[in-house]
Amino acid sequence: MGHWELLAVLKQEGPATEGIFRRAAGGTELRELREALDCGADVDLGSQPALLLAAILKDFLRSIPCKLLVTDLYEDWMAAMQKASREDKIRELRASWGRYGGGV
């Protein structure tokens, strides 16, 4: 799946879509798009409704077997967000993850 493409479309279309992560997408449309993406079909994500793409993203995030955010690192994340530049934020987040035991 073109995760970056999906995120780019959601970044562009999402803010203008009311209830994008609360409203449900049609079951048949969702299943068909998920199957096409899973099979590696060439799908024009830009032509898909934002609600449908949000549902695909939520489904993907639910399927991840481990936690994305470890609560033990909350204070480190908040401290990193106080950094002035994007690069400093990223550097601090990577350092936090390294101290936790994750490889970066």
PDB file of N, CA and C in Angstrom:
ATOM      1  N   MET A   1       0.855  -1.178   0.000  1.00  0.00           N
ATOM      2  CA  MET A   1       0.000   0.000   0.000  1.00  0.00           C
ATOM      3  C   MET A   1       0.891   1.229   0.000  1.00  0.00           C
ATOM      4  N   GLY A   2       0.470   2.251  -0.693  1.00  0.00           N
ATOM      5  CA  GLY A   2       1.196   3.503  -0.697  1.00  0.00           C
ATOM      6  C   GLY A   2       0.859   4.315   0.538  1.00  0.00           C
ATOM      7  N   HIS A   3       1.473   3.933   1.666  1.00  0.00           N
ATOM      8  CA  HIS A   3       1.161   4.609   2.935  1.00  0.00           C
ATOM      9  C   HIS A   3       1.409   6.101   2.847  1.00  0.00           C
ATOM     10  N   TRP A   4       2.516   6.480   2.214  1.00  0.00           N
ATOM     11  CA  TRP A   4       2.835   7.902   2.120  1.00  0.00           C
ATOM     12  C   TRP A   4       1.819   8.628   1.257  1.00  0.00           C
ATOM     13  N   GLU A   5       1.402   7.986   0.170  1.00  0.00           N
ATOM     14  CA  GLU A   5       0.398   8.600  -0.698  1.00  0.00           C
ATOM     15  C   GLU A   5      -0.924   8.754   0.057  1.00  0.00           C
ATOM     16  N   LEU A   6      -1.300   7.713   0.784  1.00  0.00           N
ATOM     17  CA  LEU A   6      -2.535   7.767   1.571  1.00  0.00           C
ATOM     18  C   LEU A   6      -2.475   8.902   2.589  1.00  0.00           C
ATOM     19  N   LEU A   7      -1.359   9.011   3.291  1.00  0.00           N
ATOM     20  CA  LEU A   7      -1.201  10.079   4.280  1.00  0.00           C
ATOM     21  C   LEU A   7      -1.209  11.458   3.621  1.00  0.00           C
ATOM     22  N   ALA A   8      -0.607  11.563   2.447  1.00  0.00           N
ATOM     23  CA  ALA A   8      -0.587  12.843   1.740  1.00  0.00           C
ATOM     24  C   ALA A   8      -1.995  13.271   1.339  1.00  0.00           C
ATOM     25  N   VAL A   9      -2.790  12.334   0.863  1.00  0.00           N
ATOM     26  CA  VAL A   9      -4.170  12.658   0.485  1.00  0.00           C
ATOM     27  C   VAL A   9      -4.969  13.048   1.722  1.00  0.00           C
ATOM     28  N   LEU A  10      -4.785  12.312   2.812  1.00  0.00           N
ATOM     29  CA  LEU A  10      -5.501  12.652   4.044  1.00  0.00           C
ATOM     30  C   LEU A  10      -5.066  14.005   4.589  1.00  0.00           C
ATOM     31  N   LYS A  11      -3.797  14.330   4.453  1.00  0.00           N
ATOM     32  CA  LYS A  11      -3.321  15.637   4.911  1.00  0.00           C
ATOM     33  C   LYS A  11      -3.987  16.753   4.117  1.00  0.00           C
ATOM     34  N   GLN A  12      -4.183  16.505   2.834  1.00  0.00           N
ATOM     35  CA  GLN A  12      -4.784  17.515   1.969  1.00  0.00           C
ATOM     36  C   GLN A  12      -6.298  17.578   2.134  1.00  0.00           C
ATOM     37  N   GLU A  13      -6.964  16.439   2.133  1.00  0.00           N
ATOM     38  CA  GLU A  13      -8.420  16.389   2.136  1.00  0.00           C
ATOM     39  C   GLU A  13      -9.039  16.275   3.532  1.00  0.00           C
ATOM     40  N   GLY A  14      -8.289  15.703   4.461  1.00  0.00           N
ATOM     41  CA  GLY A  14      -8.824  15.412   5.783  1.00  0.00           C
ATOM     42  C   GLY A  14      -9.372  16.597   6.556  1.00  0.00           C
ATOM     43  N   PRO A  15      -8.622  17.702   6.643  1.00  0.00           N
ATOM     44  CA  PRO A  15      -9.115  18.825   7.447  1.00  0.00           C
ATOM     45  C   PRO A  15     -10.457  19.383   6.975  1.00  0.00           C
ATOM     46  N   ALA A  16     -10.778  19.208   5.714  1.00  0.00           N
ATOM     47  CA  ALA A  16     -12.044  19.722   5.193  1.00  0.00           C
ATOM     48  C   ALA A  16     -13.173  18.701   5.292  1.00  0.00           C
ATOM     49  N   THR A  17     -12.867  17.519   5.821  1.00  0.00           N
ATOM     50  CA  THR A  17     -13.863  16.447   5.904  1.00  0.00           C
ATOM     51  C   THR A  17     -14.365  16.323   7.334  1.00  0.00           C
ATOM     52  N   GLU A  18     -15.607  16.684   7.543  1.00  0.00           N
ATOM     53  CA  GLU A  18     -16.179  16.650   8.887  1.00  0.00           C
ATOM     54  C   GLU A  18     -16.265  15.218   9.408  1.00  0.00           C
ATOM     55  N   GLY A  19     -15.797  15.021  10.637  1.00  0.00           N
ATOM     56  CA  GLY A  19     -15.881  13.721  11.293  1.00  0.00           C
ATOM     57  C   GLY A  19     -15.073  12.636  10.620  1.00  0.00           C
ATOM     58  N   ILE A  20     -13.955  13.011  10.022  1.00  0.00           N
ATOM     59  CA  ILE A  20     -13.193  12.063   9.197  1.00  0.00           C
ATOM     60  C   ILE A  20     -12.813  10.780   9.937  1.00  0.00           C
ATOM     61  N   PHE A  21     -12.470  10.854  11.203  1.00  0.00           N
ATOM     62  CA  PHE A  21     -12.087   9.644  11.933  1.00  0.00           C
ATOM     63  C   PHE A  21     -13.198   9.112  12.830  1.00  0.00           C
ATOM     64  N   ARG A  22     -14.339   9.769  12.830  1.00  0.00           N
ATOM     65  CA  ARG A  22     -15.472   9.292  13.628  1.00  0.00           C
ATOM     66  C   ARG A  22     -16.513   8.589  12.777  1.00  0.00           C
ATOM     67  N   ARG A  23     -16.700   9.056  11.571  1.00  0.00           N
ATOM     68  CA  ARG A  23     -17.730   8.493  10.705  1.00  0.00           C
ATOM     69  C   ARG A  23     -17.224   7.226  10.032  1.00  0.00           C
ATOM     70  N   ALA A  24     -18.129   6.317   9.818  1.00  0.00           N
ATOM     71  CA  ALA A  24     -17.771   5.036   9.200  1.00  0.00           C
ATOM     72  C   ALA A  24     -17.854   5.137   7.681  1.00  0.00           C
ATOM     73  N   ALA A  25     -17.008   4.394   7.030  1.00  0.00           N
ATOM     74  CA  ALA A  25     -17.055   4.283   5.567  1.00  0.00           C
ATOM     75  C   ALA A  25     -17.920   3.085   5.201  1.00  0.00           C
ATOM     76  N   GLY A  26     -18.407   3.056   3.972  1.00  0.00           N
ATOM     77  CA  GLY A  26     -19.223   1.940   3.513  1.00  0.00           C
ATOM     78  C   GLY A  26     -18.452   0.633   3.555  1.00  0.00           C
ATOM     79  N   GLY A  27     -19.080  -0.403   4.069  1.00  0.00           N
ATOM     80  CA  GLY A  27     -18.421  -1.696   4.251  1.00  0.00           C
ATOM     81  C   GLY A  27     -17.936  -2.319   2.960  1.00  0.00           C
ATOM     82  N   THR A  28     -18.756  -2.275   1.917  1.00  0.00           N
ATOM     83  CA  THR A  28     -18.372  -2.875   0.640  1.00  0.00           C
ATOM     84  C   THR A  28     -17.216  -2.113   0.013  1.00  0.00           C
ATOM     85  N   GLU A  29     -17.311  -0.777   0.009  1.00  0.00           N
ATOM     86  CA  GLU A  29     -16.231   0.040  -0.551  1.00  0.00           C
ATOM     87  C   GLU A  29     -14.924  -0.189   0.206  1.00  0.00           C
ATOM     88  N   LEU A  30     -15.024  -0.243   1.528  1.00  0.00           N
ATOM     89  CA  LEU A  30     -13.843  -0.451   2.366  1.00  0.00           C
ATOM     90  C   LEU A  30     -13.196  -1.792   2.060  1.00  0.00           C
ATOM     91  N   ARG A  31     -13.992  -2.829   2.002  1.00  0.00           N
ATOM     92  CA  ARG A  31     -13.479  -4.177   1.732  1.00  0.00           C
ATOM     93  C   ARG A  31     -12.827  -4.236   0.343  1.00  0.00           C
ATOM     94  N   GLU A  32     -13.478  -3.647  -0.663  1.00  0.00           N
ATOM     95  CA  GLU A  32     -12.938  -3.681  -2.022  1.00  0.00           C
ATOM     96  C   GLU A  32     -11.618  -2.920  -2.123  1.00  0.00           C
ATOM     97  N   LEU A  33     -11.545  -1.736  -1.501  1.00  0.00           N
ATOM     98  CA  LEU A  33     -10.304  -0.970  -1.546  1.00  0.00           C
ATOM     99  C   LEU A  33      -9.193  -1.685  -0.783  1.00  0.00           C
ATOM    100  N   ARG A  34      -9.505  -2.240   0.377  1.00  0.00           N
ATOM    101  CA  ARG A  34      -8.502  -2.959   1.158  1.00  0.00           C
ATOM    102  C   ARG A  34      -7.969  -4.148   0.367  1.00  0.00           C
ATOM    103  N   GLU A  35      -8.848  -4.897  -0.292  1.00  0.00           N
ATOM    104  CA  GLU A  35      -8.416  -6.044  -1.085  1.00  0.00           C
ATOM    105  C   GLU A  35      -7.531  -5.609  -2.250  1.00  0.00           C
ATOM    106  N   ALA A  36      -7.902  -4.505  -2.907  1.00  0.00           N
ATOM    107  CA  ALA A  36      -7.097  -4.001  -4.022  1.00  0.00           C
ATOM    108  C   ALA A  36      -5.709  -3.585  -3.538  1.00  0.00           C
ATOM    109  N   LEU A  37      -5.652  -2.896  -2.415  1.00  0.00           N
ATOM    110  CA  LEU A  37      -4.369  -2.466  -1.866  1.00  0.00           C
ATOM    111  C   LEU A  37      -3.540  -3.652  -1.411  1.00  0.00           C
ATOM    112  N   ASP A  38      -4.176  -4.626  -0.773  1.00  0.00           N
ATOM    113  CA  ASP A  38      -3.454  -5.814  -0.307  1.00  0.00           C
ATOM    114  C   ASP A  38      -2.890  -6.627  -1.467  1.00  0.00           C
ATOM    115  N   CYS A  39      -3.566  -6.600  -2.611  1.00  0.00           N
ATOM    116  CA  CYS A  39      -3.106  -7.345  -3.788  1.00  0.00           C
ATOM    117  C   CYS A  39      -2.062  -6.574  -4.584  1.00  0.00           C
ATOM    118  N   GLY A  40      -1.795  -5.348  -4.173  1.00  0.00           N
ATOM    119  CA  GLY A  40      -0.805  -4.547  -4.875  1.00  0.00           C
ATOM    120  C   GLY A  40      -1.330  -3.880  -6.135  1.00  0.00           C
ATOM    121  N   ALA A  41      -2.653  -3.789  -6.260  1.00  0.00           N
ATOM    122  CA  ALA A  41      -3.235  -3.147  -7.434  1.00  0.00           C
ATOM    123  C   ALA A  41      -2.870  -1.665  -7.450  1.00  0.00           C
ATOM    124  N   ASP A  42      -2.802  -1.106  -8.635  1.00  0.00           N
ATOM    125  CA  ASP A  42      -2.498   0.316  -8.794  1.00  0.00           C
ATOM    126  C   ASP A  42      -3.791   1.091  -8.565  1.00  0.00           C
ATOM    127  N   VAL A  43      -3.900   1.700  -7.399  1.00  0.00           N
ATOM    128  CA  VAL A  43      -5.116   2.416  -7.010  1.00  0.00           C
ATOM    129  C   VAL A  43      -4.805   3.904  -6.932  1.00  0.00           C
ATOM    130  N   ASP A  44      -5.631   4.709  -7.571  1.00  0.00           N
ATOM    131  CA  ASP A  44      -5.491   6.163  -7.491  1.00  0.00           C
ATOM    132  C   ASP A  44      -6.136   6.620  -6.188  1.00  0.00           C
ATOM    133  N   LEU A  45      -5.316   6.733  -5.138  1.00  0.00           N
ATOM    134  CA  LEU A  45      -5.853   7.100  -3.827  1.00  0.00           C
ATOM    135  C   LEU A  45      -6.410   8.513  -3.812  1.00  0.00           C
ATOM    136  N   GLY A  46      -5.898   9.372  -4.678  1.00  0.00           N
ATOM    137  CA  GLY A  46      -6.390  10.738  -4.749  1.00  0.00           C
ATOM    138  C   GLY A  46      -7.830  10.844  -5.208  1.00  0.00           C
ATOM    139  N   SER A  47      -8.332   9.804  -5.860  1.00  0.00           N
ATOM    140  CA  SER A  47      -9.716   9.824  -6.333  1.00  0.00           C
ATOM    141  C   SER A  47     -10.679   9.168  -5.332  1.00  0.00           C
ATOM    142  N   GLN A  48     -10.135   8.661  -4.234  1.00  0.00           N
ATOM    143  CA  GLN A  48     -10.964   7.981  -3.237  1.00  0.00           C
ATOM    144  C   GLN A  48     -11.489   8.981  -2.204  1.00  0.00           C
ATOM    145  N   PRO A  49     -12.680   8.741  -1.663  1.00  0.00           N
ATOM    146  CA  PRO A  49     -13.214   9.630  -0.625  1.00  0.00           C
ATOM    147  C   PRO A  49     -12.334   9.621   0.625  1.00  0.00           C
ATOM    148  N   ALA A  50     -12.173  10.782   1.229  1.00  0.00           N
ATOM    149  CA  ALA A  50     -11.329  10.900   2.425  1.00  0.00           C
ATOM    150  C   ALA A  50     -11.820  10.000   3.548  1.00  0.00           C
ATOM    151  N   LEU A  51     -13.130   9.843   3.708  1.00  0.00           N
ATOM    152  CA  LEU A  51     -13.654   8.957   4.760  1.00  0.00           C
ATOM    153  C   LEU A  51     -13.195   7.521   4.551  1.00  0.00           C
ATOM    154  N   LEU A  52     -13.157   7.096   3.314  1.00  0.00           N
ATOM    155  CA  LEU A  52     -12.726   5.739   3.002  1.00  0.00           C
ATOM    156  C   LEU A  52     -11.236   5.569   3.299  1.00  0.00           C
ATOM    157  N   LEU A  53     -10.439   6.549   2.932  1.00  0.00           N
ATOM    158  CA  LEU A  53      -9.000   6.475   3.206  1.00  0.00           C
ATOM    159  C   LEU A  53      -8.721   6.506   4.707  1.00  0.00           C
ATOM    160  N   ALA A  54      -9.494   7.302   5.452  1.00  0.00           N
ATOM    161  CA  ALA A  54      -9.329   7.340   6.909  1.00  0.00           C
ATOM    162  C   ALA A  54      -9.662   5.981   7.512  1.00  0.00           C
ATOM    163  N   ALA A  55     -10.676   5.327   6.980  1.00  0.00           N
ATOM    164  CA  ALA A  55     -11.046   3.997   7.480  1.00  0.00           C
ATOM    165  C   ALA A  55      -9.939   2.989   7.190  1.00  0.00           C
ATOM    166  N   ILE A  56      -9.309   3.090   6.018  1.00  0.00           N
ATOM    167  CA  ILE A  56      -8.179   2.206   5.672  1.00  0.00           C
ATOM    168  C   ILE A  56      -7.029   2.438   6.649  1.00  0.00           C
ATOM    169  N   LEU A  57      -6.724   3.706   6.931  1.00  0.00           N
ATOM    170  CA  LEU A  57      -5.644   4.027   7.874  1.00  0.00           C
ATOM    171  C   LEU A  57      -5.955   3.485   9.267  1.00  0.00           C
ATOM    172  N   LYS A  58      -7.186   3.685   9.739  1.00  0.00           N
ATOM    173  CA  LYS A  58      -7.557   3.172  11.069  1.00  0.00           C
ATOM    174  C   LYS A  58      -7.429   1.654  11.119  1.00  0.00           C
ATOM    175  N   ASP A  59      -7.863   0.996  10.060  1.00  0.00           N
ATOM    176  CA  ASP A  59      -7.768  -0.461   9.994  1.00  0.00           C
ATOM    177  C   ASP A  59      -6.309  -0.907  10.037  1.00  0.00           C
ATOM    178  N   PHE A  60      -5.455  -0.209   9.303  1.00  0.00           N
ATOM    179  CA  PHE A  60      -4.024  -0.528   9.301  1.00  0.00           C
ATOM    180  C   PHE A  60      -3.429  -0.351  10.697  1.00  0.00           C
ATOM    181  N   LEU A  61      -3.731   0.769  11.343  1.00  0.00           N
ATOM    182  CA  LEU A  61      -3.172   1.020  12.677  1.00  0.00           C
ATOM    183  C   LEU A  61      -3.659  -0.004  13.698  1.00  0.00           C
ATOM    184  N   ARG A  62      -4.902  -0.429  13.581  1.00  0.00           N
ATOM    185  CA  ARG A  62      -5.425  -1.461  14.497  1.00  0.00           C
ATOM    186  C   ARG A  62      -4.735  -2.798  14.305  1.00  0.00           C
ATOM    187  N   SER A  63      -4.250  -3.047  13.086  1.00  0.00           N
ATOM    188  CA  SER A  63      -3.654  -4.351  12.785  1.00  0.00           C
ATOM    189  C   SER A  63      -2.210  -4.464  13.256  1.00  0.00           C
ATOM    190  N   ILE A  64      -1.597  -3.365  13.681  1.00  0.00           N
ATOM    191  CA  ILE A  64      -0.216  -3.406  14.150  1.00  0.00           C
ATOM    192  C   ILE A  64      -0.178  -4.167  15.477  1.00  0.00           C
ATOM    193  N   PRO A  65       0.632  -5.214  15.565  1.00  0.00           N
ATOM    194  CA  PRO A  65       0.593  -6.074  16.749  1.00  0.00           C
ATOM    195  C   PRO A  65       1.187  -5.464  18.021  1.00  0.00           C
ATOM    196  N   CYS A  66       2.011  -4.443  17.905  1.00  0.00           N
ATOM    197  CA  CYS A  66       2.604  -3.868  19.115  1.00  0.00           C
ATOM    198  C   CYS A  66       2.237  -2.389  19.212  1.00  0.00           C
ATOM    199  N   LYS A  67       2.504  -1.822  20.356  1.00  0.00           N
ATOM    200  CA  LYS A  67       2.181  -0.416  20.583  1.00  0.00           C
ATOM    201  C   LYS A  67       3.096   0.478  19.764  1.00  0.00           C
ATOM    202  N   LEU A  68       2.520   1.552  19.235  1.00  0.00           N
ATOM    203  CA  LEU A  68       3.336   2.543  18.534  1.00  0.00           C
ATOM    204  C   LEU A  68       3.969   3.517  19.516  1.00  0.00           C
ATOM    205  N   LEU A  69       3.243   3.843  20.547  1.00  0.00           N
ATOM    206  CA  LEU A  69       3.709   4.805  21.541  1.00  0.00           C
ATOM    207  C   LEU A  69       3.798   4.117  22.892  1.00  0.00           C
ATOM    208  N   VAL A  70       4.961   4.122  23.466  1.00  0.00           N
ATOM    209  CA  VAL A  70       5.183   3.478  24.753  1.00  0.00           C
ATOM    210  C   VAL A  70       5.013   4.536  25.837  1.00  0.00           C
ATOM    211  N   THR A  71       4.093   4.316  26.754  1.00  0.00           N
ATOM    212  CA  THR A  71       3.780   5.336  27.757  1.00  0.00           C
ATOM    213  C   THR A  71       4.970   5.672  28.653  1.00  0.00           C
ATOM    214  N   ASP A  72       5.914   4.752  28.774  1.00  0.00           N
ATOM    215  CA  ASP A  72       7.102   5.034  29.592  1.00  0.00           C
ATOM    216  C   ASP A  72       7.911   6.207  29.036  1.00  0.00           C
ATOM    217  N   LEU A  73       7.711   6.515  27.753  1.00  0.00           N
ATOM    218  CA  LEU A  73       8.485   7.584  27.110  1.00  0.00           C
ATOM    219  C   LEU A  73       7.711   8.899  27.007  1.00  0.00           C
ATOM    220  N   TYR A  74       6.560   8.981  27.634  1.00  0.00           N
ATOM    221  CA  TYR A  74       5.714  10.176  27.510  1.00  0.00           C
ATOM    222  C   TYR A  74       6.468  11.455  27.855  1.00  0.00           C
ATOM    223  N   GLU A  75       7.148  11.482  28.981  1.00  0.00           N
ATOM    224  CA  GLU A  75       7.871  12.694  29.398  1.00  0.00           C
ATOM    225  C   GLU A  75       8.951  13.059  28.388  1.00  0.00           C
ATOM    226  N   ASP A  76       9.625  12.057  27.848  1.00  0.00           N
ATOM    227  CA  ASP A  76      10.644  12.305  26.827  1.00  0.00           C
ATOM    228  C   ASP A  76      10.020  12.917  25.571  1.00  0.00           C
ATOM    229  N   TRP A  77       8.846  12.406  25.158  1.00  0.00           N
ATOM    230  CA  TRP A  77       8.175  12.950  23.978  1.00  0.00           C
ATOM    231  C   TRP A  77       7.786  14.400  24.192  1.00  0.00           C
ATOM    232  N   MET A  78       7.262  14.690  25.360  1.00  0.00           N
ATOM    233  CA  MET A  78       6.843  16.065  25.640  1.00  0.00           C
ATOM    234  C   MET A  78       8.049  17.005  25.658  1.00  0.00           C
ATOM    235  N   ALA A  79       9.157  16.523  26.204  1.00  0.00           N
ATOM    236  CA  ALA A  79      10.369  17.341  26.218  1.00  0.00           C
ATOM    237  C   ALA A  79      10.878  17.562  24.793  1.00  0.00           C
ATOM    238  N   ALA A  80      10.804  16.549  23.970  1.00  0.00           N
ATOM    239  CA  ALA A  80      11.262  16.670  22.581  1.00  0.00           C
ATOM    240  C   ALA A  80      10.423  17.689  21.816  1.00  0.00           C
ATOM    241  N   MET A  81       9.145  17.741  22.088  1.00  0.00           N
ATOM    242  CA  MET A  81       8.274  18.676  21.382  1.00  0.00           C
ATOM    243  C   MET A  81       8.568  20.131  21.744  1.00  0.00           C
ATOM    244  N   GLN A  82       9.286  20.351  22.820  1.00  0.00           N
ATOM    245  CA  GLN A  82       9.655  21.708  23.227  1.00  0.00           C
ATOM    246  C   GLN A  82      10.894  22.216  22.497  1.00  0.00           C
ATOM    247  N   LYS A  83      11.571  21.322  21.793  1.00  0.00           N
ATOM    248  CA  LYS A  83      12.771  21.720  21.049  1.00  0.00           C
ATOM    249  C   LYS A  83      12.377  22.689  19.937  1.00  0.00           C
ATOM    250  N   ALA A  84      13.305  23.582  19.602  1.00  0.00           N
ATOM    251  CA  ALA A  84      13.008  24.651  18.648  1.00  0.00           C
ATOM    252  C   ALA A  84      12.874  24.158  17.205  1.00  0.00           C
ATOM    253  N   SER A  85      13.789  23.338  16.765  1.00  0.00           N
ATOM    254  CA  SER A  85      13.779  22.935  15.360  1.00  0.00           C
ATOM    255  C   SER A  85      13.248  21.511  15.191  1.00  0.00           C
ATOM    256  N   ARG A  86      12.805  21.236  13.991  1.00  0.00           N
ATOM    257  CA  ARG A  86      12.314  19.900  13.659  1.00  0.00           C
ATOM    258  C   ARG A  86      13.432  18.873  13.831  1.00  0.00           C
ATOM    259  N   GLU A  87      14.615  19.234  13.412  1.00  0.00           N
ATOM    260  CA  GLU A  87      15.760  18.327  13.504  1.00  0.00           C
ATOM    261  C   GLU A  87      16.084  17.988  14.961  1.00  0.00           C
ATOM    262  N   ASP A  88      16.033  19.009  15.841  1.00  0.00           N
ATOM    263  CA  ASP A  88      16.281  18.769  17.267  1.00  0.00           C
ATOM    264  C   ASP A  88      15.202  17.871  17.866  1.00  0.00           C
ATOM    265  N   LYS A  89      13.973  18.056  17.437  1.00  0.00           N
ATOM    266  CA  LYS A  89      12.877  17.211  17.925  1.00  0.00           C
ATOM    267  C   LYS A  89      13.119  15.758  17.524  1.00  0.00           C
ATOM    268  N   ILE A  90      13.450  15.563  16.267  1.00  0.00           N
ATOM    269  CA  ILE A  90      13.699  14.204  15.768  1.00  0.00           C
ATOM    270  C   ILE A  90      14.890  13.577  16.484  1.00  0.00           C
ATOM    271  N   ARG A  91      15.953  14.340  16.654  1.00  0.00           N
ATOM    272  CA  ARG A  91      17.145  13.838  17.344  1.00  0.00           C
ATOM    273  C   ARG A  91      16.786  13.396  18.768  1.00  0.00           C
ATOM    274  N   GLU A  92      16.007  14.217  19.467  1.00  0.00           N
ATOM    275  CA  GLU A  92      15.617  13.895  20.843  1.00  0.00           C
ATOM    276  C   GLU A  92      14.708  12.663  20.902  1.00  0.00           C
ATOM    277  N   LEU A  93      13.786  12.564  19.963  1.00  0.00           N
ATOM    278  CA  LEU A  93      12.903  11.393  19.927  1.00  0.00           C
ATOM    279  C   LEU A  93      13.695  10.121  19.654  1.00  0.00           C
ATOM    280  N   ARG A  94      14.650  10.191  18.748  1.00  0.00           N
ATOM    281  CA  ARG A  94      15.485   9.012  18.462  1.00  0.00           C
ATOM    282  C   ARG A  94      16.323   8.630  19.667  1.00  0.00           C
ATOM    283  N   ALA A  95      16.846   9.630  20.367  1.00  0.00           N
ATOM    284  CA  ALA A  95      17.649   9.349  21.565  1.00  0.00           C
ATOM    285  C   ALA A  95      16.780   8.684  22.633  1.00  0.00           C
ATOM    286  N   SER A  96      15.565   9.166  22.792  1.00  0.00           N
ATOM    287  CA  SER A  96      14.637   8.570  23.770  1.00  0.00           C
ATOM    288  C   SER A  96      14.361   7.119  23.442  1.00  0.00           C
ATOM    289  N   TRP A  97      14.107   6.865  22.176  1.00  0.00           N
ATOM    290  CA  TRP A  97      13.815   5.512  21.762  1.00  0.00           C
ATOM    291  C   TRP A  97      15.027   4.609  21.972  1.00  0.00           C
ATOM    292  N   GLY A  98      16.212   5.149  21.705  1.00  0.00           N
ATOM    293  CA  GLY A  98      17.441   4.381  21.925  1.00  0.00           C
ATOM    294  C   GLY A  98      17.644   4.037  23.395  1.00  0.00           C
ATOM    295  N   ARG A  99      17.344   5.002  24.279  1.00  0.00           N
ATOM    296  CA  ARG A  99      17.453   4.736  25.730  1.00  0.00           C
ATOM    297  C   ARG A  99      16.435   3.696  26.184  1.00  0.00           C
ATOM    298  N   TYR A 100      15.301   3.658  25.513  1.00  0.00           N
ATOM    299  CA  TYR A 100      14.250   2.694  25.855  1.00  0.00           C
ATOM    300  C   TYR A 100      14.639   1.279  25.429  1.00  0.00           C
ATOM    301  N   GLY A 101      15.481   1.189  24.415  1.00  0.00           N
ATOM    302  CA  GLY A 101      15.889  -0.138  23.942  1.00  0.00           C
ATOM    303  C   GLY A 101      15.552  -0.381  22.492  1.00  0.00           C
ATOM    304  N   GLY A 102      14.948   0.623  21.851  1.00  0.00           N
ATOM    305  CA  GLY A 102      14.634   0.480  20.432  1.00  0.00           C
ATOM    306  C   GLY A 102      15.829   0.850  19.591  1.00  0.00           C
ATOM    307  N   GLY A 103      15.966   0.241  18.480  1.00  0.00           N
ATOM    308  CA  GLY A 103      17.065   0.578  17.587  1.00  0.00           C
ATOM    309  C   GLY A 103      16.635   1.622  16.578  1.00  0.00           C
ATOM    310  N   VAL A 104      17.457   2.616  16.372  1.00  0.00           N
ATOM    311  CA  VAL A 104      17.129   3.636  15.357  1.00  0.00           C
ATOM    312  C   VAL A 104      18.289   3.769  14.415  1.00  0.00           C
TER     313      VAL A 104
END
